[in-house]
């Protein structure tokens, strides 16, 4: 790369790399603050993306952006989640209305191509300079001027090279982890190495009662399925499994997905008349987290900072939450670097706390004790209400449900201890 410092690069207050939920959220909020923002997206909207199930705690962010009505118009109302055991056939509903806060009684299932395009277009309407088909290719911190935090090189689909000299950089590059890779900050989380195979189907049997629109989680011996109802009588169906589930596979992703569906007694019934209406795709879900999400003049948000297993549909919420926090950090940094650093530290703690709260459940989802507890029909000590609050995306802990969540965790550890001793689990835990 030629020395961009001599040419200066294109100036802006904030450069955002990545036009997904994290980047578009941050860019729009910064533009509302009057900042000069450039938003780079390597693809062209609309483009397919997985992660179609949203959480109720997304709603306040939609309100802050001013897009709730638009999301309502393109989504299916999601009142909660159901979990179904292949081993026993038992199922349990988690209605968001029981999550401790009636303001978060529902969310939406969305086609991500439409959802992401809506957020990206909204950012443009707020005054963000959006550039599609432009991939960030290099970053230099050592050649930045006193006014710029760094210098970014980006290439267009036609090979055109452009240079940007932002005062602050927000990396929302998703699982490309643009900065984390280059700064060697990314570390794999070996507690959760999984992969997924998924597609869209027509005519999948879905709930038609008061839980219509819910996401279904079918628990298998070595992983789990999602079933997400979308508009147009289409459902997203995917299987997430551990390394063993994929190690012995042969053939194309389509063969694996159909074989797994046939092997699930609870899902096979629902898909007896289903018809494939999309390409079958596969992806690795290897969890990771950067050692820090910020530095001098930059912050990593969304999957560019960390990725955790999608079993509880937390991806978009974590991305948009990080986008909101990243916008606040960038705005504060440009006013006063000391205050920006202070806010960055606090924001990172908040993000890690939220991921830890979800991760505690995620890393135990495949244990017999956790599965039996999640499928328990009782609500002793309001433990199920507390779990529902977490499933709704309450990353800080709902008021009045912190002690019930601690009780749930204590019960898990006690039952796990009993199980390790070979003692039978109480009926209430089954």
Protein backbone atom coordinates (compact mmCIF):
# COMPACT_ATOMS: atom_id res chain seq x y z
CA UNK A 1 0.00 0.00 0.00
CA UNK A 2 1.32 3.42 -0.89
CA UNK A 3 1.91 5.95 1.83
CA UNK A 4 -1.58 7.47 2.32
CA UNK A 5 -0.40 9.95 4.91
CA UNK A 6 1.08 12.17 2.21
CA UNK A 7 -2.21 12.30 0.38
CA UNK A 8 -4.18 12.70 3.57
CA UNK A 9 -7.06 10.38 2.83
CA UNK A 10 -10.74 11.31 2.82
CA UNK A 11 -11.56 13.05 6.08
CA UNK A 12 -14.58 12.26 8.26
CA UNK A 13 -15.47 12.28 11.94
CA UNK A 14 -16.21 8.55 12.11
CA UNK A 15 -15.63 5.73 9.66
CA UNK A 16 -17.79 2.65 10.24
CA UNK A 17 -16.68 -0.60 8.62
CA UNK A 18 -19.64 -2.91 8.02
CA UNK A 19 -23.26 -2.14 7.16
CA UNK A 20 -24.96 -4.82 9.27
CA UNK A 21 -27.09 -4.15 12.37
CA UNK A 22 -24.14 -2.98 14.50
CA UNK A 23 -22.65 -0.65 11.90
CA UNK A 24 -25.92 0.81 10.65
CA UNK A 25 -27.13 1.42 14.21
CA UNK A 26 -23.93 3.21 15.20
CA UNK A 27 -23.78 5.25 12.00
CA UNK A 28 -27.40 6.43 12.23
CA UNK A 29 -27.06 7.48 15.87
CA UNK A 30 -23.85 9.37 15.19
CA UNK A 31 -25.47 11.17 12.27
CA UNK A 32 -28.31 12.15 14.61
CA UNK A 33 -25.61 13.76 16.77
CA UNK A 34 -24.53 15.78 13.73
CA UNK A 35 -21.36 13.82 13.07
CA UNK A 36 -19.85 13.39 9.60
CA UNK A 37 -20.05 9.60 9.17
CA UNK A 38 -18.92 7.28 6.37
CA UNK A 39 -20.35 3.74 6.38
CA UNK A 40 -18.61 1.09 4.27
CA UNK A 41 -20.39 -2.15 3.31
CA UNK A 42 -18.46 -4.82 1.41
CA UNK A 43 -21.62 -6.23 -0.24
CA UNK A 44 -24.71 -4.63 -1.73
CA UNK A 45 -28.04 -4.59 0.12
CA UNK A 46 -30.17 -6.61 0.21
CA UNK A 47 -27.91 -9.60 0.91
CA UNK A 48 -28.69 -12.85 2.70
CA UNK A 49 -27.70 -13.26 6.32
CA UNK A 50 -28.62 -15.74 9.01
CA UNK A 51 -29.85 -14.71 12.47
CA UNK A 52 -33.52 -14.01 11.75
CA UNK A 53 -34.95 -14.16 15.27
CA UNK A 54 -34.92 -10.94 17.31
CA UNK A 55 -35.40 -10.38 21.04
CA UNK A 56 -37.76 -8.04 22.94
CA UNK A 57 -34.88 -5.95 24.26
CA UNK A 58 -34.25 -4.89 20.65
CA UNK A 59 -37.41 -2.76 20.84
CA UNK A 60 -35.96 0.20 22.81
CA UNK A 61 -33.12 0.40 20.29
CA UNK A 62 -35.64 0.43 17.43
CA UNK A 63 -37.40 3.28 19.23
CA UNK A 64 -34.18 5.24 19.68
CA UNK A 65 -33.42 4.82 15.99
CA UNK A 66 -37.01 5.54 14.96
CA UNK A 67 -37.55 2.31 13.00
CA UNK A 68 -39.95 0.27 15.13
CA UNK A 69 -42.91 0.68 12.76
CA UNK A 70 -40.78 -0.31 9.78
CA UNK A 71 -39.59 -3.47 11.56
CA UNK A 72 -43.14 -4.31 12.57
CA UNK A 73 -44.24 -4.07 8.94
CA UNK A 74 -41.63 -6.53 7.66
CA UNK A 75 -41.59 -9.00 10.57
CA UNK A 76 -43.65 -11.76 12.17
CA UNK A 77 -44.60 -11.04 15.79
CA UNK A 78 -42.62 -13.34 18.10
CA UNK A 79 -44.25 -13.89 21.52
CA UNK A 80 -41.57 -16.18 22.90
CA UNK A 81 -39.81 -19.47 22.39
CA UNK A 82 -40.60 -23.16 22.75
CA UNK A 83 -38.12 -25.90 23.54
CA UNK A 84 -38.75 -29.47 22.47
CA UNK A 85 -36.80 -32.58 23.45
CA UNK A 86 -36.16 -35.23 20.81
CA UNK A 87 -35.32 -37.68 23.59
CA UNK A 88 -38.61 -37.42 25.48
CA UNK A 89 -40.98 -35.39 23.29
CA UNK A 90 -41.49 -33.00 26.20
CA UNK A 91 -41.80 -29.31 25.38
CA UNK A 92 -42.12 -26.08 27.31
CA UNK A 93 -43.11 -22.56 26.32
CA UNK A 94 -41.23 -19.45 27.38
CA UNK A 95 -43.62 -16.53 26.88
CA UNK A 96 -41.86 -13.18 26.93
CA UNK A 97 -44.90 -11.74 28.73
CA UNK A 98 -43.70 -13.67 31.80
CA UNK A 99 -40.21 -12.22 31.64
CA UNK A 100 -40.70 -9.64 34.38
CA UNK A 101 -41.31 -6.55 32.22
CA UNK A 102 -44.52 -6.15 30.23
CA UNK A 103 -42.81 -3.59 27.97
CA UNK A 104 -40.84 -6.51 26.50
CA UNK A 105 -43.67 -8.93 25.79
CA UNK A 106 -42.80 -9.64 22.16
CA UNK A 107 -40.26 -9.29 19.40
CA UNK A 108 -40.09 -10.15 15.68
CA UNK A 109 -38.88 -12.79 13.26
CA UNK A 110 -37.41 -11.12 10.16
CA UNK A 111 -35.73 -11.91 6.88
CA UNK A 112 -32.30 -10.50 7.53
CA UNK A 113 -31.87 -9.30 3.96
CA UNK A 114 -34.87 -6.98 4.46
CA UNK A 115 -34.03 -6.09 8.05
CA UNK A 116 -30.41 -5.18 7.37
CA UNK A 117 -31.35 -3.21 4.25
CA UNK A 118 -33.94 -1.28 6.29
CA UNK A 119 -31.38 -0.27 8.92
CA UNK A 120 -28.79 0.63 6.25
CA UNK A 121 -31.29 2.79 4.33
CA UNK A 122 -32.33 4.48 7.58
CA UNK A 123 -28.71 5.39 8.27
CA UNK A 124 -28.48 6.94 4.81
CA UNK A 125 -31.64 8.98 5.46
CA UNK A 126 -30.08 10.29 8.66
CA UNK A 127 -27.26 11.78 6.62
CA UNK A 128 -24.68 8.99 6.70
CA UNK A 129 -22.50 8.75 3.59
CA UNK A 130 -23.10 5.09 2.73
CA UNK A 131 -20.82 3.24 0.31
CA UNK A 132 -21.69 -0.29 -0.81
CA UNK A 133 -19.41 -2.74 -2.56
CA UNK A 134 -16.40 -1.32 -0.72
CA UNK A 135 -14.25 -3.61 1.45
CA UNK A 136 -11.74 -2.30 3.99
CA UNK A 137 -8.41 -3.87 3.15
CA UNK A 138 -5.76 -2.29 5.37
CA UNK A 139 -5.35 -0.09 8.44
CA UNK A 140 -2.38 2.02 9.48
CA UNK A 141 -2.18 3.67 12.89
CA UNK A 142 1.46 4.70 12.64
CA UNK A 143 0.89 6.91 9.58
CA UNK A 144 -2.13 8.81 10.85
CA UNK A 145 -1.95 12.58 11.19
CA UNK A 146 -2.60 14.38 14.45
CA UNK A 147 -6.22 14.89 13.41
CA UNK A 148 -6.89 11.32 12.23
CA UNK A 149 -7.00 8.23 14.45
CA UNK A 150 -5.83 5.98 11.61
CA UNK A 151 -5.71 5.54 7.86
CA UNK A 152 -7.95 2.98 6.18
CA UNK A 153 -7.51 1.60 2.69
CA UNK A 154 -10.60 0.15 1.01
CA UNK A 155 -11.20 -1.43 -2.40
CA UNK A 156 -14.33 -1.33 -4.47
CA UNK A 157 -15.69 -4.24 -6.47
CA UNK A 158 -14.04 -2.75 -9.57
CA UNK A 159 -10.65 -2.60 -7.82
CA UNK A 160 -10.80 1.12 -7.10
CA UNK A 161 -8.67 2.06 -4.08
CA UNK A 162 -9.87 4.73 -1.65
CA UNK A 163 -8.21 6.09 1.50
CA UNK A 164 -10.06 7.31 4.60
CA UNK A 165 -8.67 9.32 7.51
CA UNK A 166 -11.33 9.23 10.27
CA UNK A 167 -11.01 10.88 13.66
CA UNK A 168 -12.53 7.71 15.12
CA UNK A 169 -12.97 4.21 13.71
CA UNK A 170 -15.81 1.81 14.49
CA UNK A 171 -15.17 -1.74 13.30
CA UNK A 172 -18.50 -3.49 12.65
CA UNK A 173 -17.03 -5.89 10.11
CA UNK A 174 -18.77 -8.92 11.62
CA UNK A 175 -17.03 -12.24 11.58
CA UNK A 176 -14.37 -10.84 9.24
CA UNK A 177 -13.03 -9.27 12.49
CA UNK A 178 -11.10 -6.66 10.50
CA UNK A 179 -9.24 -5.06 13.41
CA UNK A 180 -9.05 -8.03 15.77
CA UNK A 181 -7.29 -10.10 13.11
CA UNK A 182 -4.81 -7.39 12.18
CA UNK A 183 -4.08 -6.41 15.78
CA UNK A 184 -3.94 -10.07 16.83
CA UNK A 185 -6.57 -9.59 19.51
CA UNK A 186 -8.93 -12.41 18.55
CA UNK A 187 -8.96 -15.61 20.64
CA UNK A 188 -11.14 -18.66 19.97
CA UNK A 189 -13.46 -19.81 22.75
CA UNK A 190 -12.83 -23.53 22.81
CA UNK A 191 -15.77 -24.13 25.14
CA UNK A 192 -18.13 -23.76 22.20
CA UNK A 193 -16.98 -25.03 18.80
CA UNK A 194 -20.02 -25.73 16.67
CA UNK A 195 -21.18 -25.47 13.06
CA UNK A 196 -24.55 -24.90 11.41
CA UNK A 197 -26.39 -25.95 8.26
CA UNK A 198 -29.62 -24.21 7.31
CA UNK A 199 -32.17 -23.27 4.64
CA UNK A 200 -35.64 -21.86 4.05
CA UNK A 201 -38.66 -24.13 3.59
CA UNK A 202 -42.27 -23.65 2.60
CA UNK A 203 -45.12 -25.41 4.41
CA UNK A 204 -43.45 -26.20 7.73
CA UNK A 205 -46.02 -26.83 10.47
CA UNK A 206 -45.81 -23.95 12.98
CA UNK A 207 -47.81 -22.94 16.04
CA UNK A 208 -51.26 -21.49 15.42
CA UNK A 209 -52.25 -20.69 19.03
CA UNK A 210 -51.28 -17.83 21.34
CA UNK A 211 -47.62 -18.76 20.76
CA UNK A 212 -47.93 -18.41 16.99
CA UNK A 213 -44.76 -16.81 15.65
CA UNK A 214 -42.51 -18.24 18.36
CA UNK A 215 -39.12 -19.72 17.62
CA UNK A 216 -38.87 -23.47 18.15
CA UNK A 217 -35.71 -25.06 19.54
CA UNK A 218 -35.59 -28.82 19.00
CA UNK A 219 -32.95 -30.37 21.27
CA UNK A 220 -31.08 -33.38 19.85
CA UNK A 221 -28.40 -35.59 21.37
CA UNK A 222 -25.53 -33.66 19.79
CA UNK A 223 -26.98 -30.23 19.07
CA UNK A 224 -30.21 -28.44 18.31
CA UNK A 225 -32.51 -27.24 15.51
CA UNK A 226 -34.11 -23.85 15.09
CA UNK A 227 -37.45 -23.30 13.33
CA UNK A 228 -38.23 -19.63 12.70
CA UNK A 229 -41.53 -18.68 11.00
CA UNK A 230 -41.18 -15.87 8.45
CA UNK A 231 -43.63 -13.97 6.26
CA UNK A 232 -44.99 -15.72 3.17
CA UNK A 233 -45.52 -19.10 4.88
CA UNK A 234 -41.77 -19.69 4.90
CA UNK A 235 -39.73 -20.98 7.81
CA UNK A 236 -35.99 -20.85 8.43
CA UNK A 237 -34.76 -24.25 9.60
CA UNK A 238 -31.23 -24.91 10.75
CA UNK A 239 -29.21 -27.46 12.67
CA UNK A 240 -26.36 -26.49 15.00
CA UNK A 241 -24.13 -29.31 16.15
CA UNK A 242 -20.85 -30.01 17.86
CA UNK A 243 -17.73 -31.17 16.07
CA UNK A 244 -18.73 -34.82 16.31
CA UNK A 245 -22.04 -34.11 14.55
CA UNK A 246 -20.19 -32.78 11.49
CA UNK A 247 -17.02 -34.83 11.58
CA UNK A 248 -18.48 -37.94 9.99
CA UNK A 249 -20.67 -36.18 7.45
CA UNK A 250 -20.32 -36.84 3.75
CA UNK A 251 -21.87 -35.13 0.75
CA UNK A 252 -23.15 -31.59 0.34
CA UNK A 253 -24.68 -29.43 3.11
CA UNK A 254 -28.12 -30.29 1.69
CA UNK A 255 -27.53 -33.99 2.32
CA UNK A 256 -26.49 -33.34 5.91
CA UNK A 257 -29.47 -31.08 6.66
CA UNK A 258 -32.02 -33.51 5.25
CA UNK A 259 -30.38 -36.44 7.02
CA UNK A 260 -30.51 -34.58 10.33
CA UNK A 261 -34.16 -33.62 9.82
CA UNK A 262 -35.07 -37.26 9.13
CA UNK A 263 -33.28 -38.32 12.31
CA UNK A 264 -35.28 -35.92 14.51
CA UNK A 265 -38.60 -37.50 15.54
CA UNK A 266 -40.09 -34.18 16.67
CA UNK A 267 -39.03 -32.10 13.66
CA UNK A 268 -39.63 -34.73 10.99
CA UNK A 269 -43.37 -34.67 11.73
CA UNK A 270 -43.49 -30.89 11.31
CA UNK A 271 -41.66 -31.07 7.98
CA UNK A 272 -43.44 -34.00 6.38
CA UNK A 273 -44.93 -31.69 3.71
CA UNK A 274 -42.14 -29.10 3.64
CA UNK A 275 -40.56 -27.93 0.39
CA UNK A 276 -37.08 -26.43 0.08
CA UNK A 277 -37.20 -22.89 -1.32
CA UNK A 278 -33.61 -21.73 -0.90
CA UNK A 279 -30.04 -22.85 -1.18
CA UNK A 280 -28.79 -24.95 1.72
CA UNK A 281 -25.88 -23.20 3.41
CA UNK A 282 -23.34 -24.09 6.08
CA UNK A 283 -21.17 -22.05 8.39
CA UNK A 284 -18.86 -22.51 11.34
CA UNK A 285 -20.17 -21.07 14.59
CA UNK A 286 -16.84 -21.12 16.39
CA UNK A 287 -17.15 -18.71 19.29
CA UNK A 288 -14.45 -16.11 19.86
CA UNK A 289 -13.79 -12.85 21.64
CA UNK A 290 -11.17 -10.15 21.26
CA UNK A 291 -9.01 -9.46 24.30
CA UNK A 292 -10.31 -5.88 24.26
CA UNK A 293 -12.89 -4.09 22.14
CA UNK A 294 -11.30 -0.65 22.03
CA UNK A 295 -8.07 1.25 21.77
CA UNK A 296 -6.78 4.72 20.94
CA UNK A 297 -9.26 6.07 18.42
CA UNK A 298 -11.16 2.87 17.65
CA UNK A 299 -13.76 0.42 18.93
CA UNK A 300 -14.90 -3.00 17.72
CA UNK A 301 -18.64 -3.66 17.92
CA UNK A 302 -20.93 -6.63 17.25
CA UNK A 303 -19.36 -9.79 15.86
CA UNK A 304 -16.20 -7.82 15.10
CA UNK A 305 -15.60 -7.96 18.87
CA UNK A 306 -17.12 -11.30 19.86
CA UNK A 307 -19.39 -14.09 18.66
CA UNK A 308 -21.26 -16.59 20.81
CA UNK A 309 -23.49 -19.53 19.96
CA UNK A 310 -26.84 -18.34 18.50
CA UNK A 311 -29.05 -20.76 20.47
CA UNK A 312 -30.82 -17.92 22.30
CA UNK A 313 -31.08 -15.57 19.28
CA UNK A 314 -28.83 -12.99 20.87
CA UNK A 315 -26.79 -11.99 17.80
CA UNK A 316 -28.76 -8.99 16.54
CA UNK A 317 -29.42 -7.69 20.05
CA UNK A 318 -25.75 -7.84 20.99
CA UNK A 319 -24.83 -6.20 17.68
CA UNK A 320 -27.29 -3.33 18.01
CA UNK A 321 -26.49 -2.85 21.69
CA UNK A 322 -22.81 -2.62 20.79
CA UNK A 323 -23.68 -0.25 17.93
CA UNK A 324 -25.55 2.01 20.34
CA UNK A 325 -22.70 1.94 22.86
CA UNK A 326 -20.11 2.42 20.11
CA UNK A 327 -21.91 5.51 18.85
CA UNK A 328 -21.92 6.97 22.35
CA UNK A 329 -18.20 6.20 22.79
CA UNK A 330 -17.25 7.73 19.43
CA UNK A 331 -19.31 10.85 20.09
CA UNK A 332 -17.79 11.29 23.55
CA UNK A 333 -14.26 10.59 22.25
CA UNK A 334 -14.53 13.33 19.65
CA UNK A 335 -15.56 15.79 22.36
CA UNK A 336 -13.09 14.70 25.03
CA UNK A 337 -10.72 11.73 24.70
CA UNK A 338 -10.54 11.20 28.47
CA UNK A 339 -14.32 10.90 28.71
CA UNK A 340 -14.31 8.70 25.63
CA UNK A 341 -11.85 6.30 27.24
CA UNK A 342 -13.89 6.19 30.43
CA UNK A 343 -17.07 5.42 28.49
CA UNK A 344 -15.27 2.80 26.37
CA UNK A 345 -14.17 0.94 29.51
CA UNK A 346 -17.70 1.03 30.92
CA UNK A 347 -19.21 -0.07 27.60
CA UNK A 348 -16.84 -3.03 27.32
CA UNK A 349 -17.76 -4.14 30.84
CA UNK A 350 -21.44 -3.91 29.93
CA UNK A 351 -20.97 -5.97 26.77
CA UNK A 352 -18.92 -8.64 28.55
CA UNK A 353 -21.46 -8.83 31.38
CA UNK A 354 -24.27 -9.38 28.89
CA UNK A 355 -22.34 -12.06 27.01
CA UNK A 356 -21.43 -13.77 30.28
CA UNK A 357 -25.08 -13.79 31.35
CA UNK A 358 -26.07 -15.50 28.11
CA UNK A 359 -22.94 -17.62 27.97
CA UNK A 360 -23.65 -19.22 31.33
CA UNK A 361 -26.73 -20.84 29.77
CA UNK A 362 -25.21 -21.41 26.34
CA UNK A 363 -22.17 -23.35 27.57
CA UNK A 364 -24.46 -25.69 29.53
CA UNK A 365 -27.26 -26.16 26.98
CA UNK A 366 -26.05 -29.64 26.02
CA UNK A 367 -25.75 -30.96 29.59
CA UNK A 368 -28.52 -33.33 30.76
CA UNK A 369 -29.17 -31.28 33.90
CA UNK A 370 -29.60 -27.98 32.04
CA UNK A 371 -31.87 -29.56 29.46
CA UNK A 372 -34.03 -31.11 32.15
CA UNK A 373 -34.25 -27.81 34.01
CA UNK A 374 -35.17 -25.85 30.89
CA UNK A 375 -37.88 -28.37 30.13
CA UNK A 376 -39.26 -28.34 33.69
CA UNK A 377 -42.91 -27.26 33.82
CA UNK A 378 -42.80 -25.55 37.24
CA UNK A 379 -41.91 -21.97 38.18
CA UNK A 380 -40.68 -22.51 41.72
CA UNK A 381 -39.07 -19.38 43.19
CA UNK A 382 -39.83 -17.67 39.84
CA UNK A 383 -36.82 -19.38 38.31
CA UNK A 384 -38.51 -19.86 34.95
CA UNK A 385 -39.51 -16.19 34.88
CA UNK A 386 -35.87 -15.31 35.45
CA UNK A 387 -34.70 -17.57 32.63
CA UNK A 388 -37.39 -16.07 30.37
CA UNK A 389 -36.00 -12.61 31.15
CA UNK A 390 -32.56 -13.75 29.96
CA UNK A 391 -34.12 -15.30 26.84
CA UNK A 392 -35.83 -11.95 26.18
CA UNK A 393 -32.39 -10.36 26.07
CA UNK A 394 -32.31 -8.59 29.41
CA UNK A 395 -28.53 -8.42 29.57
CA UNK A 396 -28.39 -6.49 32.84
CA UNK A 397 -30.93 -8.56 34.79
CA UNK A 398 -34.55 -7.60 35.30
CA UNK A 399 -35.42 -5.92 38.57
CA UNK A 400 -36.86 -8.48 40.97
CA UNK A 401 -35.50 -11.46 39.03
CA UNK A 402 -31.84 -11.37 39.97
CA UNK A 403 -32.35 -13.57 43.04
CA UNK A 404 -34.55 -16.06 41.10
CA UNK A 405 -31.78 -16.31 38.47
CA UNK A 406 -29.24 -16.99 41.21
CA UNK A 407 -31.61 -19.63 42.58
CA UNK A 408 -31.77 -21.22 39.13
CA UNK A 409 -27.97 -21.31 38.93
CA UNK A 410 -27.70 -22.73 42.45
CA UNK A 411 -30.23 -25.43 41.59
CA UNK A 412 -28.25 -26.30 38.49
CA UNK A 413 -25.03 -26.73 40.44
CA UNK A 414 -26.73 -28.79 43.16
CA UNK A 415 -28.40 -31.07 40.63
CA UNK A 416 -25.17 -31.41 38.67
CA UNK A 417 -23.37 -32.40 41.87
CA UNK A 418 -26.06 -34.98 42.62
CA UNK A 419 -25.87 -36.31 39.07
CA UNK A 420 -22.07 -36.66 39.29
CA UNK A 421 -22.55 -38.74 42.44
CA UNK A 422 -24.93 -41.00 40.54
CA UNK A 423 -28.00 -39.85 42.45
CA UNK A 424 -31.36 -39.75 40.72
CA UNK A 425 -32.59 -36.26 39.85
CA UNK A 426 -35.74 -35.10 41.63
CA UNK A 427 -38.90 -35.27 39.58
CA UNK A 428 -39.22 -31.47 39.67
CA UNK A 429 -35.99 -31.18 37.70
CA UNK A 430 -37.11 -33.55 34.97
